[in-house]
Amino acid sequence: MRLQLALTLALILVAGCSHSAPPIAHGLPTTFGKLTGAFDARMHERFPVGSDEELLIAELKREQFKFSGEVSGSEEHKLSAVYEAQDLACKQLWAVYWTANQRKITGISGHYEQVCF
């Protein structure tokens, strides 16, 4: 009986960490905890340097990223948008940082992080 209860609780916790990713991150491998480079690679592939910044912003808005404006203290990337998903046991965060000049992307990076309680 106790084993069954423990297994049930474990399944609930694991299911709690499987919250859906934003569409731009679907199909990417993740590891428990800190980010993998897959989301960063996806951002570079989809929006390489020279891409139209307005296309990036439009896609992130469609996917319900929250824009937080300038990144304080960052010399590499000045703008950011974050998608956060939280459920019973876990919090997942996808963040995109970029710079642009005359509406063309001059630098971009993507970060993924997961924390379970």
PDB file of N, CA and C in Angstrom:
ATOM      1  N   MET A   1       0.823  -1.196   0.000  1.00  0.00           N
ATOM      2  CA  MET A   1       0.000   0.000   0.000  1.00  0.00           C
ATOM      3  C   MET A   1       0.871   1.266   0.000  1.00  0.00           C
ATOM      4  N   ARG A   2       1.891   1.292   0.858  1.00  0.00           N
ATOM      5  CA  ARG A   2       2.781   2.448   0.912  1.00  0.00           C
ATOM      6  C   ARG A   2       3.570   2.596  -0.386  1.00  0.00           C
ATOM      7  N   LEU A   3       3.989   1.478  -0.939  1.00  0.00           N
ATOM      8  CA  LEU A   3       4.721   1.524  -2.204  1.00  0.00           C
ATOM      9  C   LEU A   3       3.841   2.107  -3.307  1.00  0.00           C
ATOM     10  N   GLN A   4       2.592   1.682  -3.332  1.00  0.00           N
ATOM     11  CA  GLN A   4       1.666   2.187  -4.340  1.00  0.00           C
ATOM     12  C   GLN A   4       1.452   3.693  -4.168  1.00  0.00           C
ATOM     13  N   LEU A   5       1.326   4.148  -2.944  1.00  0.00           N
ATOM     14  CA  LEU A   5       1.165   5.570  -2.674  1.00  0.00           C
ATOM     15  C   LEU A   5       2.409   6.344  -3.106  1.00  0.00           C
ATOM     16  N   ALA A   6       3.583   5.806  -2.792  1.00  0.00           N
ATOM     17  CA  ALA A   6       4.838   6.461  -3.180  1.00  0.00           C
ATOM     18  C   ALA A   6       4.959   6.538  -4.702  1.00  0.00           C
ATOM     19  N   LEU A   7       4.605   5.480  -5.403  1.00  0.00           N
ATOM     20  CA  LEU A   7       4.655   5.481  -6.866  1.00  0.00           C
ATOM     21  C   LEU A   7       3.668   6.484  -7.455  1.00  0.00           C
ATOM     22  N   THR A   8       2.485   6.563  -6.877  1.00  0.00           N
ATOM     23  CA  THR A   8       1.487   7.519  -7.341  1.00  0.00           C
ATOM     24  C   THR A   8       1.984   8.948  -7.168  1.00  0.00           C
ATOM     25  N   LEU A   9       2.563   9.247  -6.016  1.00  0.00           N
ATOM     26  CA  LEU A   9       3.103  10.585  -5.775  1.00  0.00           C
ATOM     27  C   LEU A   9       4.249  10.902  -6.735  1.00  0.00           C
ATOM     28  N   ALA A  10       5.104   9.920  -6.985  1.00  0.00           N
ATOM     29  CA  ALA A  10       6.209  10.121  -7.915  1.00  0.00           C
ATOM     30  C   ALA A  10       5.691  10.422  -9.323  1.00  0.00           C
ATOM     31  N   LEU A  11       4.662   9.712  -9.757  1.00  0.00           N
ATOM     32  CA  LEU A  11       4.075   9.956 -11.075  1.00  0.00           C
ATOM     33  C   LEU A  11       3.469  11.347 -11.163  1.00  0.00           C
ATOM     34  N   ILE A  12       2.833  11.799 -10.094  1.00  0.00           N
ATOM     35  CA  ILE A  12       2.261  13.138 -10.078  1.00  0.00           C
ATOM     36  C   ILE A  12       3.352  14.185 -10.216  1.00  0.00           C
ATOM     37  N   LEU A  13       4.454  14.001  -9.495  1.00  0.00           N
ATOM     38  CA  LEU A  13       5.558  14.956  -9.577  1.00  0.00           C
ATOM     39  C   LEU A  13       6.182  14.969 -10.961  1.00  0.00           C
ATOM     40  N   VAL A  14       6.379  13.803 -11.546  1.00  0.00           N
ATOM     41  CA  VAL A  14       6.951  13.738 -12.898  1.00  0.00           C
ATOM     42  C   VAL A  14       6.004  14.372 -13.901  1.00  0.00           C
ATOM     43  N   ALA A  15       4.721  14.075 -13.786  1.00  0.00           N
ATOM     44  CA  ALA A  15       3.737  14.682 -14.689  1.00  0.00           C
ATOM     45  C   ALA A  15       3.698  16.185 -14.484  1.00  0.00           C
ATOM     46  N   GLY A  16       3.907  16.634 -13.266  1.00  0.00           N
ATOM     47  CA  GLY A  16       3.921  18.058 -12.964  1.00  0.00           C
ATOM     48  C   GLY A  16       5.051  18.776 -13.658  1.00  0.00           C
ATOM     49  N   CYS A  17       6.118  18.087 -14.012  1.00  0.00           N
ATOM     50  CA  CYS A  17       7.260  18.719 -14.671  1.00  0.00           C
ATOM     51  C   CYS A  17       7.184  18.623 -16.188  1.00  0.00           C
ATOM     52  N   SER A  18       6.097  18.154 -16.717  1.00  0.00           N
ATOM     53  CA  SER A  18       6.005  17.997 -18.166  1.00  0.00           C
ATOM     54  C   SER A  18       5.127  19.069 -18.808  1.00  0.00           C
ATOM     55  N   HIS A  19       5.081  20.237 -18.216  1.00  0.00           N
ATOM     56  CA  HIS A  19       4.312  21.359 -18.752  1.00  0.00           C
ATOM     57  C   HIS A  19       4.780  21.670 -20.161  1.00  0.00           C
ATOM     58  N   SER A  20       3.864  22.121 -20.986  1.00  0.00           N
ATOM     59  CA  SER A  20       4.216  22.301 -22.392  1.00  0.00           C
ATOM     60  C   SER A  20       5.096  23.521 -22.622  1.00  0.00           C
ATOM     61  N   ALA A  21       5.962  23.363 -23.560  1.00  0.00           N
ATOM     62  CA  ALA A  21       6.889  24.417 -23.969  1.00  0.00           C
ATOM     63  C   ALA A  21       6.187  25.351 -24.953  1.00  0.00           C
ATOM     64  N   PRO A  22       6.717  26.546 -25.143  1.00  0.00           N
ATOM     65  CA  PRO A  22       6.167  27.397 -26.199  1.00  0.00           C
ATOM     66  C   PRO A  22       6.430  26.734 -27.553  1.00  0.00           C
ATOM     67  N   PRO A  23       5.612  27.004 -28.554  1.00  0.00           N
ATOM     68  CA  PRO A  23       5.792  26.349 -29.853  1.00  0.00           C
ATOM     69  C   PRO A  23       7.203  26.450 -30.422  1.00  0.00           C
ATOM     70  N   ILE A  24       7.877  27.561 -30.221  1.00  0.00           N
ATOM     71  CA  ILE A  24       9.222  27.726 -30.772  1.00  0.00           C
ATOM     72  C   ILE A  24      10.221  26.740 -30.160  1.00  0.00           C
ATOM     73  N   ALA A  25       9.872  26.154 -29.016  1.00  0.00           N
ATOM     74  CA  ALA A  25      10.767  25.209 -28.345  1.00  0.00           C
ATOM     75  C   ALA A  25      10.305  23.756 -28.466  1.00  0.00           C
ATOM     76  N   HIS A  26       9.180  23.510 -29.152  1.00  0.00           N
ATOM     77  CA  HIS A  26       8.679  22.134 -29.262  1.00  0.00           C
ATOM     78  C   HIS A  26       9.699  21.212 -29.929  1.00  0.00           C
ATOM     79  N   GLY A  27       9.806  20.029 -29.378  1.00  0.00           N
ATOM     80  CA  GLY A  27      10.679  19.011 -29.944  1.00  0.00           C
ATOM     81  C   GLY A  27      12.129  19.112 -29.532  1.00  0.00           C
ATOM     82  N   LEU A  28      12.469  20.087 -28.720  1.00  0.00           N
ATOM     83  CA  LEU A  28      13.864  20.228 -28.299  1.00  0.00           C
ATOM     84  C   LEU A  28      14.156  19.360 -27.089  1.00  0.00           C
ATOM     85  N   PRO A  29      15.357  18.790 -27.023  1.00  0.00           N
ATOM     86  CA  PRO A  29      15.713  18.013 -25.835  1.00  0.00           C
ATOM     87  C   PRO A  29      15.956  18.945 -24.657  1.00  0.00           C
ATOM     88  N   THR A  30      15.549  18.511 -23.487  1.00  0.00           N
ATOM     89  CA  THR A  30      15.815  19.267 -22.258  1.00  0.00           C
ATOM     90  C   THR A  30      16.407  18.318 -21.238  1.00  0.00           C
ATOM     91  N   THR A  31      17.106  18.884 -20.316  1.00  0.00           N
ATOM     92  CA  THR A  31      17.602  18.098 -19.197  1.00  0.00           C
ATOM     93  C   THR A  31      16.924  18.620 -17.949  1.00  0.00           C
ATOM     94  N   PHE A  32      16.856  17.792 -16.938  1.00  0.00           N
ATOM     95  CA  PHE A  32      16.274  18.236 -15.680  1.00  0.00           C
ATOM     96  C   PHE A  32      17.195  19.288 -15.084  1.00  0.00           C
ATOM     97  N   GLY A  33      16.671  20.432 -14.759  1.00  0.00           N
ATOM     98  CA  GLY A  33      17.484  21.474 -14.153  1.00  0.00           C
ATOM     99  C   GLY A  33      17.901  22.523 -15.155  1.00  0.00           C
ATOM    100  N   LYS A  34      19.174  22.733 -15.308  1.00  0.00           N
ATOM    101  CA  LYS A  34      19.706  23.819 -16.133  1.00  0.00           C
ATOM    102  C   LYS A  34      19.480  23.596 -17.619  1.00  0.00           C
ATOM    103  N   LEU A  35      19.771  24.657 -18.367  1.00  0.00           N
ATOM    104  CA  LEU A  35      19.468  24.644 -19.787  1.00  0.00           C
ATOM    105  C   LEU A  35      20.373  23.720 -20.600  1.00  0.00           C
ATOM    106  N   THR A  36      19.865  23.352 -21.728  1.00  0.00           N
ATOM    107  CA  THR A  36      20.682  22.698 -22.747  1.00  0.00           C
ATOM    108  C   THR A  36      20.934  23.751 -23.817  1.00  0.00           C
ATOM    109  N   GLY A  37      21.837  23.502 -24.712  1.00  0.00           N
ATOM    110  CA  GLY A  37      22.117  24.448 -25.786  1.00  0.00           C
ATOM    111  C   GLY A  37      21.118  24.388 -26.922  1.00  0.00           C
ATOM    112  N   ALA A  38      20.158  23.489 -26.845  1.00  0.00           N
ATOM    113  CA  ALA A  38      19.233  23.290 -27.953  1.00  0.00           C
ATOM    114  C   ALA A  38      18.360  24.513 -28.231  1.00  0.00           C
ATOM    115  N   PHE A  39      17.868  25.163 -27.192  1.00  0.00           N
ATOM    116  CA  PHE A  39      17.015  26.334 -27.403  1.00  0.00           C
ATOM    117  C   PHE A  39      17.832  27.494 -27.983  1.00  0.00           C
ATOM    118  N   ASP A  40      19.045  27.660 -27.513  1.00  0.00           N
ATOM    119  CA  ASP A  40      19.932  28.690 -28.058  1.00  0.00           C
ATOM    120  C   ASP A  40      20.195  28.424 -29.546  1.00  0.00           C
ATOM    121  N   ALA A  41      20.485  27.179 -29.884  1.00  0.00           N
ATOM    122  CA  ALA A  41      20.728  26.812 -31.284  1.00  0.00           C
ATOM    123  C   ALA A  41      19.486  27.072 -32.139  1.00  0.00           C
ATOM    124  N   ARG A  42      18.299  26.765 -31.587  1.00  0.00           N
ATOM    125  CA  ARG A  42      17.052  27.000 -32.321  1.00  0.00           C
ATOM    126  C   ARG A  42      16.873  28.492 -32.612  1.00  0.00           C
ATOM    127  N   MET A  43      17.179  29.332 -31.641  1.00  0.00           N
ATOM    128  CA  MET A  43      17.021  30.775 -31.846  1.00  0.00           C
ATOM    129  C   MET A  43      17.990  31.280 -32.921  1.00  0.00           C
ATOM    130  N   HIS A  44      19.227  30.795 -32.890  1.00  0.00           N
ATOM    131  CA  HIS A  44      20.202  31.195 -33.920  1.00  0.00           C
ATOM    132  C   HIS A  44      19.784  30.711 -35.308  1.00  0.00           C
ATOM    133  N   GLU A  45      19.188  29.533 -35.361  1.00  0.00           N
ATOM    134  CA  GLU A  45      18.750  28.968 -36.641  1.00  0.00           C
ATOM    135  C   GLU A  45      17.551  29.731 -37.200  1.00  0.00           C
ATOM    136  N   ARG A  46      16.566  30.003 -36.353  1.00  0.00           N
ATOM    137  CA  ARG A  46      15.342  30.665 -36.805  1.00  0.00           C
ATOM    138  C   ARG A  46      15.521  32.161 -37.065  1.00  0.00           C
ATOM    139  N   PHE A  47      16.403  32.795 -36.259  1.00  0.00           N
ATOM    140  CA  PHE A  47      16.592  34.240 -36.355  1.00  0.00           C
ATOM    141  C   PHE A  47      18.078  34.581 -36.375  1.00  0.00           C
ATOM    142  N   PRO A  48      18.773  34.231 -37.441  1.00  0.00           N
ATOM    143  CA  PRO A  48      20.208  34.513 -37.509  1.00  0.00           C
ATOM    144  C   PRO A  48      20.468  36.023 -37.567  1.00  0.00           C
ATOM    145  N   VAL A  49      21.691  36.395 -37.287  1.00  0.00           N
ATOM    146  CA  VAL A  49      22.098  37.790 -37.384  1.00  0.00           C
ATOM    147  C   VAL A  49      21.713  38.308 -38.770  1.00  0.00           C
ATOM    148  N   GLY A  50      21.117  39.483 -38.797  1.00  0.00           N
ATOM    149  CA  GLY A  50      20.649  40.070 -40.045  1.00  0.00           C
ATOM    150  C   GLY A  50      19.161  39.888 -40.278  1.00  0.00           C
ATOM    151  N   SER A  51      18.528  39.015 -39.480  1.00  0.00           N
ATOM    152  CA  SER A  51      17.083  38.782 -39.610  1.00  0.00           C
ATOM    153  C   SER A  51      16.301  40.014 -39.185  1.00  0.00           C
ATOM    154  N   ASP A  52      15.074  40.089 -39.649  1.00  0.00           N
ATOM    155  CA  ASP A  52      14.178  41.187 -39.308  1.00  0.00           C
ATOM    156  C   ASP A  52      13.716  41.055 -37.852  1.00  0.00           C
ATOM    157  N   GLU A  53      14.010  42.050 -37.043  1.00  0.00           N
ATOM    158  CA  GLU A  53      13.626  42.021 -35.629  1.00  0.00           C
ATOM    159  C   GLU A  53      12.108  41.969 -35.456  1.00  0.00           C
ATOM    160  N   GLU A  54      11.375  42.595 -36.348  1.00  0.00           N
ATOM    161  CA  GLU A  54       9.919  42.600 -36.238  1.00  0.00           C
ATOM    162  C   GLU A  54       9.333  41.197 -36.362  1.00  0.00           C
ATOM    163  N   LEU A  55       9.948  40.342 -37.167  1.00  0.00           N
ATOM    164  CA  LEU A  55       9.486  38.944 -37.269  1.00  0.00           C
ATOM    165  C   LEU A  55       9.706  38.204 -35.959  1.00  0.00           C
ATOM    166  N   LEU A  56      10.848  38.423 -35.326  1.00  0.00           N
ATOM    167  CA  LEU A  56      11.130  37.822 -34.021  1.00  0.00           C
ATOM    168  C   LEU A  56      10.098  38.283 -33.002  1.00  0.00           C
ATOM    169  N   ILE A  57       9.878  39.576 -32.913  1.00  0.00           N
ATOM    170  CA  ILE A  57       8.932  40.119 -31.939  1.00  0.00           C
ATOM    171  C   ILE A  57       7.523  39.590 -32.186  1.00  0.00           C
ATOM    172  N   ALA A  58       7.100  39.535 -33.439  1.00  0.00           N
ATOM    173  CA  ALA A  58       5.764  39.034 -33.769  1.00  0.00           C
ATOM    174  C   ALA A  58       5.605  37.577 -33.347  1.00  0.00           C
ATOM    175  N   GLU A  59       6.602  36.750 -33.605  1.00  0.00           N
ATOM    176  CA  GLU A  59       6.503  35.340 -33.224  1.00  0.00           C
ATOM    177  C   GLU A  59       6.465  35.185 -31.710  1.00  0.00           C
ATOM    178  N   LEU A  60       7.324  35.900 -31.007  1.00  0.00           N
ATOM    179  CA  LEU A  60       7.334  35.796 -29.548  1.00  0.00           C
ATOM    180  C   LEU A  60       6.011  36.285 -28.944  1.00  0.00           C
ATOM    181  N   LYS A  61       5.416  37.312 -29.511  1.00  0.00           N
ATOM    182  CA  LYS A  61       4.109  37.790 -29.041  1.00  0.00           C
ATOM    183  C   LYS A  61       3.038  36.735 -29.259  1.00  0.00           C
ATOM    184  N   ARG A  62       3.037  36.115 -30.451  1.00  0.00           N
ATOM    185  CA  ARG A  62       2.054  35.060 -30.751  1.00  0.00           C
ATOM    186  C   ARG A  62       2.155  33.921 -29.750  1.00  0.00           C
ATOM    187  N   GLU A  63       3.375  33.650 -29.298  1.00  0.00           N
ATOM    188  CA  GLU A  63       3.595  32.536 -28.379  1.00  0.00           C
ATOM    189  C   GLU A  63       3.501  32.953 -26.914  1.00  0.00           C
ATOM    190  N   GLN A  64       3.052  34.177 -26.690  1.00  0.00           N
ATOM    191  CA  GLN A  64       2.777  34.708 -25.355  1.00  0.00           C
ATOM    192  C   GLN A  64       4.018  34.887 -24.474  1.00  0.00           C
ATOM    193  N   PHE A  65       5.148  35.206 -25.094  1.00  0.00           N
ATOM    194  CA  PHE A  65       6.318  35.619 -24.328  1.00  0.00           C
ATOM    195  C   PHE A  65       6.012  36.989 -23.740  1.00  0.00           C
ATOM    196  N   LYS A  66       6.557  37.261 -22.580  1.00  0.00           N
ATOM    197  CA  LYS A  66       6.421  38.568 -21.933  1.00  0.00           C
ATOM    198  C   LYS A  66       7.697  39.358 -22.205  1.00  0.00           C
ATOM    199  N   PHE A  67       7.544  40.576 -22.658  1.00  0.00           N
ATOM    200  CA  PHE A  67       8.689  41.421 -22.984  1.00  0.00           C
ATOM    201  C   PHE A  67       9.071  42.239 -21.763  1.00  0.00           C
ATOM    202  N   SER A  68      10.373  42.217 -21.461  1.00  0.00           N
ATOM    203  CA  SER A  68      10.825  42.944 -20.282  1.00  0.00           C
ATOM    204  C   SER A  68      11.787  44.065 -20.643  1.00  0.00           C
ATOM    205  N   GLY A  69      11.884  44.397 -21.912  1.00  0.00           N
ATOM    206  CA  GLY A  69      12.693  45.537 -22.314  1.00  0.00           C
ATOM    207  C   GLY A  69      14.171  45.293 -22.201  1.00  0.00           C
ATOM    208  N   GLU A  70      14.876  46.315 -21.772  1.00  0.00           N
ATOM    209  CA  GLU A  70      16.331  46.238 -21.726  1.00  0.00           C
ATOM    210  C   GLU A  70      16.819  45.329 -20.613  1.00  0.00           C
ATOM    211  N   VAL A  71      17.904  44.619 -20.897  1.00  0.00           N
ATOM    212  CA  VAL A  71      18.530  43.737 -19.925  1.00  0.00           C
ATOM    213  C   VAL A  71      19.576  44.549 -19.183  1.00  0.00           C
ATOM    214  N   SER A  72      19.335  44.770 -17.934  1.00  0.00           N
ATOM    215  CA  SER A  72      20.240  45.586 -17.125  1.00  0.00           C
ATOM    216  C   SER A  72      21.607  44.923 -16.990  1.00  0.00           C
ATOM    217  N   GLY A  73      22.656  45.694 -17.236  1.00  0.00           N
ATOM    218  CA  GLY A  73      24.020  45.209 -17.051  1.00  0.00           C
ATOM    219  C   GLY A  73      24.542  44.302 -18.149  1.00  0.00           C
ATOM    220  N   SER A  74      23.755  44.043 -19.175  1.00  0.00           N
ATOM    221  CA  SER A  74      24.199  43.159 -20.253  1.00  0.00           C
ATOM    222  C   SER A  74      24.771  43.984 -21.393  1.00  0.00           C
ATOM    223  N   GLU A  75      26.000  43.710 -21.730  1.00  0.00           N
ATOM    224  CA  GLU A  75      26.608  44.381 -22.885  1.00  0.00           C
ATOM    225  C   GLU A  75      26.338  43.598 -24.160  1.00  0.00           C
ATOM    226  N   GLU A  76      26.118  42.275 -24.002  1.00  0.00           N
ATOM    227  CA  GLU A  76      25.944  41.433 -25.186  1.00  0.00           C
ATOM    228  C   GLU A  76      24.557  41.596 -25.812  1.00  0.00           C
ATOM    229  N   HIS A  77      23.506  41.523 -25.009  1.00  0.00           N
ATOM    230  CA  HIS A  77      22.135  41.607 -25.524  1.00  0.00           C
ATOM    231  C   HIS A  77      21.343  42.603 -24.692  1.00  0.00           C
ATOM    232  N   LYS A  78      20.606  43.459 -25.354  1.00  0.00           N
ATOM    233  CA  LYS A  78      19.899  44.540 -24.673  1.00  0.00           C
ATOM    234  C   LYS A  78      18.410  44.302 -24.478  1.00  0.00           C
ATOM    235  N   LEU A  79      17.770  43.477 -25.287  1.00  0.00           N
ATOM    236  CA  LEU A  79      16.328  43.267 -25.197  1.00  0.00           C
ATOM    237  C   LEU A  79      16.027  41.833 -24.782  1.00  0.00           C
ATOM    238  N   SER A  80      14.850  41.631 -24.158  1.00  0.00           N
ATOM    239  CA  SER A  80      14.538  40.272 -23.712  1.00  0.00           C
ATOM    240  C   SER A  80      13.039  40.009 -23.720  1.00  0.00           C
ATOM    241  N   ALA A  81      12.717  38.717 -23.842  1.00  0.00           N
ATOM    242  CA  ALA A  81      11.346  38.240 -23.736  1.00  0.00           C
ATOM    243  C   ALA A  81      11.405  36.880 -23.034  1.00  0.00           C
ATOM    244  N   VAL A  82      10.426  36.625 -22.165  1.00  0.00           N
ATOM    245  CA  VAL A  82      10.447  35.422 -21.336  1.00  0.00           C
ATOM    246  C   VAL A  82       9.100  34.714 -21.413  1.00  0.00           C
ATOM    247  N   TYR A  83       9.161  33.397 -21.515  1.00  0.00           N
ATOM    248  CA  TYR A  83       7.975  32.545 -21.437  1.00  0.00           C
ATOM    249  C   TYR A  83       8.158  31.688 -20.201  1.00  0.00           C
ATOM    250  N   GLU A  84       7.179  31.727 -19.309  1.00  0.00           N
ATOM    251  CA  GLU A  84       7.283  30.985 -18.056  1.00  0.00           C
ATOM    252  C   GLU A  84       6.083  30.061 -17.923  1.00  0.00           C
ATOM    253  N   ALA A  85       6.355  28.827 -17.535  1.00  0.00           N
ATOM    254  CA  ALA A  85       5.301  27.854 -17.291  1.00  0.00           C
ATOM    255  C   ALA A  85       5.509  27.283 -15.894  1.00  0.00           C
ATOM    256  N   GLN A  86       4.446  27.239 -15.124  1.00  0.00           N
ATOM    257  CA  GLN A  86       4.562  26.694 -13.777  1.00  0.00           C
ATOM    258  C   GLN A  86       3.370  25.792 -13.518  1.00  0.00           C
ATOM    259  N   ASP A  87       3.645  24.688 -12.863  1.00  0.00           N
ATOM    260  CA  ASP A  87       2.574  23.791 -12.480  1.00  0.00           C
ATOM    261  C   ASP A  87       2.793  23.381 -11.038  1.00  0.00           C
ATOM    262  N   LEU A  88       2.236  22.280 -10.654  1.00  0.00           N
ATOM    263  CA  LEU A  88       2.264  21.852  -9.261  1.00  0.00           C
ATOM    264  C   LEU A  88       3.670  21.758  -8.683  1.00  0.00           C
ATOM    265  N   ALA A  89       4.595  21.194  -9.411  1.00  0.00           N
ATOM    266  CA  ALA A  89       5.918  20.923  -8.837  1.00  0.00           C
ATOM    267  C   ALA A  89       7.081  21.618  -9.533  1.00  0.00           C
ATOM    268  N   CYS A  90       6.861  22.147 -10.722  1.00  0.00           N
ATOM    269  CA  CYS A  90       7.994  22.666 -11.495  1.00  0.00           C
ATOM    270  C   CYS A  90       7.707  24.025 -12.119  1.00  0.00           C
ATOM    271  N   LYS A  91       8.792  24.720 -12.354  1.00  0.00           N
ATOM    272  CA  LYS A  91       8.740  25.997 -13.066  1.00  0.00           C
ATOM    273  C   LYS A  91       9.732  25.894 -14.220  1.00  0.00           C
ATOM    274  N   GLN A  92       9.282  26.258 -15.421  1.00  0.00           N
ATOM    275  CA  GLN A  92      10.140  26.245 -16.594  1.00  0.00           C
ATOM    276  C   GLN A  92      10.188  27.655 -17.162  1.00  0.00           C
ATOM    277  N   LEU A  93      11.343  28.012 -17.668  1.00  0.00           N
ATOM    278  CA  LEU A  93      11.540  29.362 -18.180  1.00  0.00           C
ATOM    279  C   LEU A  93      12.323  29.290 -19.480  1.00  0.00           C
ATOM    280  N   TRP A  94      11.782  29.924 -20.509  1.00  0.00           N
ATOM    281  CA  TRP A  94      12.465  30.097 -21.788  1.00  0.00           C
ATOM    282  C   TRP A  94      12.680  31.595 -21.962  1.00  0.00           C
ATOM    283  N   ALA A  95      13.898  32.011 -22.182  1.00  0.00           N
ATOM    284  CA  ALA A  95      14.195  33.438 -22.343  1.00  0.00           C
ATOM    285  C   ALA A  95      14.958  33.656 -23.642  1.00  0.00           C
ATOM    286  N   VAL A  96      14.614  34.744 -24.320  1.00  0.00           N
ATOM    287  CA  VAL A  96      15.293  35.144 -25.548  1.00  0.00           C
ATOM    288  C   VAL A  96      15.877  36.530 -25.305  1.00  0.00           C
ATOM    289  N   TYR A  97      17.157  36.675 -25.598  1.00  0.00           N
ATOM    290  CA  TYR A  97      17.860  37.954 -25.455  1.00  0.00           C
ATOM    291  C   TYR A  97      18.403  38.335 -26.826  1.00  0.00           C
ATOM    292  N   TRP A  98      18.282  39.610 -27.189  1.00  0.00           N
ATOM    293  CA  TRP A  98      18.791  40.023 -28.486  1.00  0.00           C
ATOM    294  C   TRP A  98      19.132  41.511 -28.503  1.00  0.00           C
ATOM    295  N   THR A  99      19.884  41.874 -29.512  1.00  0.00           N
ATOM    296  CA  THR A  99      20.157  43.275 -29.843  1.00  0.00           C
ATOM    297  C   THR A  99      19.788  43.467 -31.298  1.00  0.00           C
ATOM    298  N   ALA A 100      19.492  44.714 -31.638  1.00  0.00           N
ATOM    299  CA  ALA A 100      19.134  45.015 -33.022  1.00  0.00           C
ATOM    300  C   ALA A 100      19.605  46.425 -33.356  1.00  0.00           C
ATOM    301  N   ASN A 101      19.873  46.597 -34.625  1.00  0.00           N
ATOM    302  CA  ASN A 101      20.252  47.903 -35.140  1.00  0.00           C
ATOM    303  C   ASN A 101      19.444  48.124 -36.412  1.00  0.00           C
ATOM    304  N   GLN A 102      18.686  49.212 -36.463  1.00  0.00           N
ATOM    305  CA  GLN A 102      17.829  49.512 -37.603  1.00  0.00           C
ATOM    306  C   GLN A 102      16.913  48.340 -37.938  1.00  0.00           C
ATOM    307  N   ARG A 103      16.366  47.739 -36.899  1.00  0.00           N
ATOM    308  CA  ARG A 103      15.395  46.633 -36.998  1.00  0.00           C
ATOM    309  C   ARG A 103      15.973  45.333 -37.550  1.00  0.00           C
ATOM    310  N   LYS A 104      17.283  45.216 -37.568  1.00  0.00           N
ATOM    311  CA  LYS A 104      17.945  43.966 -37.962  1.00  0.00           C
ATOM    312  C   LYS A 104      18.636  43.389 -36.728  1.00  0.00           C
ATOM    313  N   ILE A 105      18.475  42.096 -36.512  1.00  0.00           N
ATOM    314  CA  ILE A 105      19.074  41.431 -35.352  1.00  0.00           C
ATOM    315  C   ILE A 105      20.595  41.420 -35.512  1.00  0.00           C
ATOM    316  N   THR A 106      21.283  41.886 -34.477  1.00  0.00           N
ATOM    317  CA  THR A 106      22.749  41.907 -34.496  1.00  0.00           C
ATOM    318  C   THR A 106      23.340  40.878 -33.528  1.00  0.00           C
ATOM    319  N   GLY A 107      22.510  40.303 -32.665  1.00  0.00           N
ATOM    320  CA  GLY A 107      22.943  39.263 -31.737  1.00  0.00           C
ATOM    321  C   GLY A 107      21.722  38.658 -31.076  1.00  0.00           C
ATOM    322  N   ILE A 108      21.751  37.347 -30.807  1.00  0.00           N
ATOM    323  CA  ILE A 108      20.598  36.674 -30.211  1.00  0.00           C
ATOM    324  C   ILE A 108      21.068  35.467 -29.413  1.00  0.00           C
ATOM    325  N   SER A 109      20.349  35.168 -28.336  1.00  0.00           N
ATOM    326  CA  SER A 109      20.615  33.934 -27.590  1.00  0.00           C
ATOM    327  C   SER A 109      19.314  33.468 -26.947  1.00  0.00           C
ATOM    328  N   GLY A 110      19.221  32.172 -26.718  1.00  0.00           N
ATOM    329  CA  GLY A 110      18.060  31.577 -26.062  1.00  0.00           C
ATOM    330  C   GLY A 110      18.512  30.771 -24.866  1.00  0.00           C
ATOM    331  N   HIS A 111      17.748  30.858 -23.778  1.00  0.00           N
ATOM    332  CA  HIS A 111      18.086  30.132 -22.548  1.00  0.00           C
ATOM    333  C   HIS A 111      16.862  29.393 -22.036  1.00  0.00           C
ATOM    334  N   TYR A 112      17.096  28.196 -21.534  1.00  0.00           N
ATOM    335  CA  TYR A 112      16.037  27.373 -20.946  1.00  0.00           C
ATOM    336  C   TYR A 112      16.490  26.942 -19.558  1.00  0.00           C
ATOM    337  N   GLU A 113      15.565  26.984 -18.620  1.00  0.00           N
ATOM    338  CA  GLU A 113      15.869  26.519 -17.268  1.00  0.00           C
ATOM    339  C   GLU A 113      14.617  25.892 -16.656  1.00  0.00           C
ATOM    340  N   GLN A 114      14.828  24.845 -15.873  1.00  0.00           N
ATOM    341  CA  GLN A 114      13.728  24.174 -15.176  1.00  0.00           C
ATOM    342  C   GLN A 114      14.105  23.991 -13.723  1.00  0.00           C
ATOM    343  N   VAL A 115      13.167  24.325 -12.848  1.00  0.00           N
ATOM    344  CA  VAL A 115      13.394  24.138 -11.408  1.00  0.00           C
ATOM    345  C   VAL A 115      12.175  23.413 -10.851  1.00  0.00           C
ATOM    346  N   CYS A 116      12.410  22.311 -10.162  1.00  0.00           N
ATOM    347  CA  CYS A 116      11.316  21.579  -9.518  1.00  0.00           C
ATOM    348  C   CYS A 116      11.502  21.660  -8.006  1.00  0.00           C
ATOM    349  N   PHE A 117      10.391  21.804  -7.331  1.00  0.00           N
ATOM    350  CA  PHE A 117      10.408  22.002  -5.886  1.00  0.00           C
ATOM    351  C   PHE A 117      10.294  20.706  -5.128  1.00  0.00           C
TER     352      PHE A 117
END
